[in-house]
Amino acid sequence: MSLTGTPFLYTTIVLSVVALILPLFLWSRMRGPKAVRTAARVLMLLFAQGTAVTLIFVLVNNQNNLYDNWADLLGTGNHVQQAANLGRDGTGGIALKTLPKVRQSFTAASGPGMRGVRETQLKGRISGVNAEVYVWLPPQYDEPKYRNHKFPVVELLPGYPGSAKAWFGSMKVTSQLEPLMRSGRVAPFILVAPRTNLLAGVDTGCANIPGTVNADSWLSIDVPKMVTDNFRAAPAPAGWATAGYSAGAHCAVKLAVAHPDRYRAAISLSGYNDPIGERNSLAAQSITLREENNPYLLLRKATAPPRIALYLSGESGDGYQAAVALEQIAKAPTTVHVVFLPRSDGGHNMALWRPQVQTVFEWLTVNMGQSRVRSGTTPLEPSSAGSTHAALASGTASRAGAARKR
């Protein structure tokens, strides 16, 4: 029975009701020695508590897409076939242009919010990862007038623990963005959500760790190659961005800072710089790994400032200070836009991040140089986006080193 399926949810509901009714009918009707009656009553109480806790867990898990299946929950899943030492650039010295095209078959994904989402099982030729990837195509993709148009791509990364489905389910990204793409307020992006929970019981930190996992190469090489080989996706780096929340936010910024040749922009919702922000992260297990996967240190030590745009939001003590630190060291052409969020009652969860989806994709539309493609019109080139775009860009993208608006 699927962990996230409707049958399992209904089963837990029925068991919870039964566990509540049993003591009402049997408590005073118990027969036999006192020790037996006491033991039976204790078992009924434990059964009631167990079913209640299970039901709450199932509801929370389904709402937040924390665990996809029993293997993720029990820590028995492993999606790493090999983890060779791939060197500093994560390619293992392979000329990526010489690799044959990756041809994948796709099926309709299932689950809440997954309407229109395609799923495929990808064996990463570089990373050695074997895991699922979800792809959603914008409404303009199949329109005849766009048959020669290449669409920008955003890789969506969940927190830890977290499912690759979370952006579609809990974050409701497609239901929020589809009407905005049709109206032209948001550019028609291809949305890609690869699995990031690759090893049992630990967060990979989106890092390459020889002998353990090559999560960086999985996300920044294997997944993008598969997408560009199977869809009309814009080439990197100009057409690619990353977006994440919590641990996924850390990964999104780290990937963009480390690979400006692969990404043009990154979105961070309640992220952190030092991998120690997630104590279960493999990238937090040593000082060396922490330094190699800290976007603040990577940006500060960069030989030349990368041409990337970063959007970082957070509350005080949960993302904001880390964002300000990046803003303070950024130099042109790096741009950093920091958004301070007042402390909310909900805190570090979907209720904080979900309402930001529209804003961050409007920001991406501008800062990736995308035109406002309206349904029924010819797509504009970035250079002819118009004065409206320029005005929006000047109002939303803060240049590195500029004073923050309070």
Foldseek 3Di string as FASTA:
>chain_A
DWLLDPVVLVVLVVQLVVLVVVCVPCLVVDDDDPVVSVVVVVVSVVSNVVSVVSNVVNVVCLQQALDGGPCQVVQNAAFAQFAACLPLVQQVPDDLVPDDADDWDWDQDDGALRVQKIKTFDQFPRWRGTFMKIKHFAPCQPPPLCVPPAAFEEEEEEAPSHALCRCRHNLVLCVVCNVCLQALLFPGYMYMRIGQCRGGPAGQLCDRDHGPGNSVCVVQPRVVSNDVSHGRHDAPALRYAYEYEESSLLNRLQSCLSCVRRYAEYEYHQYAFFPVSPVRHPLNPDPVSRLSSGSLNSQLPDPDHRNHEYEWEDEVVGTQVRLVSSLQRHDPPYWGFYYYDYDDPVPRGSVRVSVCSSVVSSLVCLSSLFARDHPPDRGDGSVVNDPVSVVVNVVGIGGRPDDHDD
